[in-house]
Amino acid sequence: MAKQIITIRPATKKDSKVFLSLINALADYEKLKRPTPAAKKRLLEDGFGKRKRFDSFLAFVDDVPVGYAIIFETYSSFLAKPTLYLEDLFILPEYRRLGIGKKFFTVLLKEARKRKCGRMEWTVLDWNQLAIDFYNKLGATYMKEWLLYRIVL
C-alpha cells in the first residue's frame, strides 16, 4: 500500500465548497444543526472577504479534503502579545489516527510563532474524550480555574 501524503495549507476562496462541507460534517458529528444559508454566506465573507475575521486551514490526505481549522487572534494584556485562538479543529472520523491532528498543531503553532503570539488557546467539549486525550498527549494544560461564560446576541 502506498504511503498517504498529508498536506495542510491555508484555505482560499476557491476552497469555499470544501470548507463548508467540512463545517457541515462537524455539525453532524456534534449532533448540531448545520449552518443556515445565511450563516454559510457570512462564513465565506468573514473568512475570505475584504474584511477577514478569521483564517482557516485545510487538511488533505493525498488530494482528499479531510479536515479544517479556524483560527483568529485575541489579545493578552498581561503578556502584551496576541493569543492564537483555535475555534475549530475537525478531522473526518474515518481519517483520524493518521497523524493529521498532530500535523495541524505543528502548522498552527508555527503560525502562532510567526504572528509573535504568546500562547495558543482553545476549548473542548467535555464529552469529547478522544480530543481531550489527544490534547493531553500534546502537553496542553487544562485551565480548570477558568470558566467559560457566554451571552448570546
Protein backbone atom coordinates (compact mmCIF):
# COMPACT_ATOMS: atom_id res chain seq x y z
CA MET A 1 0.00 0.00 0.00
CA ALA A 2 1.35 3.42 -0.98
CA LYS A 3 2.12 5.92 1.78
CA GLN A 4 -0.56 8.56 2.10
CA ILE A 5 0.54 12.18 1.75
CA ILE A 6 -0.87 14.54 4.38
CA THR A 7 -0.95 18.21 3.43
CA ILE A 8 -2.15 21.18 5.47
CA ARG A 9 -2.43 24.58 3.85
CA PRO A 10 -4.33 27.86 4.23
CA ALA A 11 -7.81 27.75 2.75
CA THR A 12 -8.66 30.12 -0.09
CA LYS A 13 -11.91 31.37 -1.56
CA LYS A 14 -11.62 28.61 -4.18
CA ASP A 15 -11.99 26.12 -1.30
CA SER A 16 -15.38 27.51 -0.24
CA LYS A 17 -17.42 24.43 -1.13
CA VAL A 18 -14.99 22.05 0.61
CA PHE A 19 -14.71 24.35 3.64
CA LEU A 20 -18.49 24.48 4.09
CA SER A 21 -18.85 20.72 3.60
CA LEU A 22 -16.37 20.10 6.42
CA ILE A 23 -18.24 22.53 8.69
CA ASN A 24 -21.41 20.55 7.92
CA ALA A 25 -19.55 17.36 8.84
CA LEU A 26 -18.55 18.87 12.20
CA ALA A 27 -22.16 19.86 12.88
CA ASP A 28 -23.26 16.31 12.08
CA TYR A 29 -20.53 14.86 14.34
CA GLU A 30 -21.59 17.10 17.24
CA LYS A 31 -25.29 16.46 16.51
CA LEU A 32 -25.91 20.18 15.91
CA LYS A 33 -27.90 21.94 13.21
CA ARG A 34 -25.89 22.73 10.11
CA PRO A 35 -25.29 26.42 9.35
CA THR A 36 -28.18 28.09 7.55
CA PRO A 37 -27.68 29.51 4.04
CA ALA A 38 -27.32 32.98 5.59
CA ALA A 39 -24.73 31.71 8.07
CA LYS A 40 -22.80 29.99 5.26
CA LYS A 41 -22.74 33.27 3.34
CA ARG A 42 -21.36 35.06 6.44
CA LEU A 43 -18.75 32.34 6.96
CA LEU A 44 -17.44 32.82 3.44
CA GLU A 45 -17.47 36.62 3.70
CA ASP A 46 -15.77 36.59 7.11
CA GLY A 47 -13.19 34.01 6.05
CA PHE A 48 -12.43 35.11 2.51
CA GLY A 49 -13.91 38.59 2.05
CA LYS A 50 -12.45 42.09 2.19
CA ARG A 51 -12.51 42.28 6.00
CA LYS A 52 -11.37 38.86 7.14
CA ARG A 53 -12.39 37.96 10.68
CA PHE A 54 -10.63 34.59 10.80
CA ASP A 55 -8.14 32.42 8.96
CA SER A 56 -8.70 28.81 8.04
CA PHE A 57 -6.59 25.84 7.08
CA LEU A 58 -7.50 22.64 5.26
CA ALA A 59 -6.04 19.16 5.66
CA PHE A 60 -5.80 16.73 2.77
CA VAL A 61 -4.88 13.06 2.57
CA ASP A 62 -3.49 12.75 -0.90
CA ASP A 63 -5.97 15.06 -2.68
CA VAL A 64 -8.99 14.31 -0.46
CA PRO A 65 -10.08 17.14 1.88
CA VAL A 66 -10.39 15.59 5.35
CA GLY A 67 -10.26 18.39 7.93
CA TYR A 68 -10.18 22.06 8.71
CA ALA A 69 -9.17 24.54 11.38
CA ILE A 70 -10.37 28.08 12.06
CA ILE A 71 -8.10 30.49 13.96
CA PHE A 72 -8.11 34.14 14.95
CA GLU A 73 -6.22 36.38 17.36
CA THR A 74 -7.27 37.59 20.78
CA TYR A 75 -5.01 39.71 22.97
CA SER A 76 -3.40 39.20 26.37
CA SER A 77 -2.97 42.42 28.31
CA PHE A 78 -0.59 40.72 30.76
CA LEU A 79 1.65 39.19 28.12
CA ALA A 80 1.19 42.24 25.89
CA LYS A 81 1.03 39.82 22.97
CA PRO A 82 -1.66 38.27 20.83
CA THR A 83 -3.04 34.81 21.58
CA LEU A 84 -3.80 32.48 18.69
CA TYR A 85 -7.28 31.14 19.36
CA LEU A 86 -8.29 27.85 17.75
CA GLU A 87 -12.04 28.00 17.16
CA ASP A 88 -12.47 24.71 15.31
CA LEU A 89 -10.28 21.74 14.58
CA PHE A 90 -12.10 18.91 12.86
CA ILE A 91 -10.92 15.81 11.04
CA LEU A 92 -13.36 13.40 9.42
CA PRO A 93 -13.64 10.39 11.74
CA GLU A 94 -12.51 7.89 9.11
CA TYR A 95 -9.21 9.80 8.70
CA ARG A 96 -8.29 10.06 12.39
CA ARG A 97 -5.24 8.31 13.81
CA LEU A 98 -3.14 9.13 10.74
CA GLY A 99 -1.22 11.94 12.46
CA ILE A 100 -3.31 14.74 10.92
CA GLY A 101 -4.18 16.34 14.27
CA LYS A 102 -0.54 16.45 15.32
CA LYS A 103 0.42 17.90 11.94
CA PHE A 104 -2.35 20.52 12.31
CA PHE A 105 -0.92 21.58 15.67
CA THR A 106 2.59 21.78 14.22
CA VAL A 107 1.33 24.10 11.46
CA LEU A 108 -0.81 26.19 13.83
CA LEU A 109 1.94 26.59 16.43
CA LYS A 110 4.29 27.69 13.65
CA GLU A 111 1.63 30.24 12.61
CA ALA A 112 1.36 31.46 16.22
CA ARG A 113 5.13 31.95 16.40
CA LYS A 114 5.11 33.75 13.05
CA ARG A 115 2.47 36.13 14.44
CA LYS A 116 4.55 36.60 17.62
CA CYS A 117 1.77 35.19 19.80
CA GLY A 118 2.48 34.45 23.44
CA ARG A 119 0.23 31.38 23.53
CA MET A 120 -2.40 29.33 21.75
CA GLU A 121 -5.76 28.50 23.33
CA TRP A 122 -8.92 26.56 22.53
CA THR A 123 -11.88 24.88 24.21
CA VAL A 124 -13.05 21.29 24.02
CA LEU A 125 -16.43 19.75 24.73
CA ASP A 126 -16.44 17.78 27.98
CA TRP A 127 -17.74 14.64 26.24
CA ASN A 128 -15.03 14.59 23.58
CA GLN A 129 -12.63 12.24 25.37
CA LEU A 130 -10.70 11.45 22.17
CA ALA A 131 -9.83 15.13 21.78
CA ILE A 132 -9.07 15.55 25.50
CA ASP A 133 -6.70 12.58 25.41
CA PHE A 134 -5.04 13.98 22.26
CA TYR A 135 -4.52 17.43 23.84
CA ASN A 136 -3.09 15.83 26.98
CA LYS A 137 -0.60 13.86 24.85
CA LEU A 138 0.48 17.13 23.24
CA GLY A 139 1.28 18.52 26.69
CA ALA A 140 -1.54 21.08 26.67
CA THR A 141 -2.72 22.39 30.04
CA TYR A 142 -6.37 22.14 31.11
CA MET A 143 -7.24 25.53 32.58
CA LYS A 144 -9.72 24.33 35.23
CA GLU A 145 -9.70 27.63 37.09
CA TRP A 146 -11.17 29.45 34.05
CA LEU A 147 -14.92 29.16 33.47
CA LEU A 148 -16.40 29.85 30.05
CA TYR A 149 -19.28 32.33 30.03
CA ARG A 150 -21.43 33.36 27.09
CA ILE A 151 -24.10 35.89 26.20
CA VAL A 152 -25.99 35.10 23.02
CA LEU A 153 -26.80 38.21 20.98
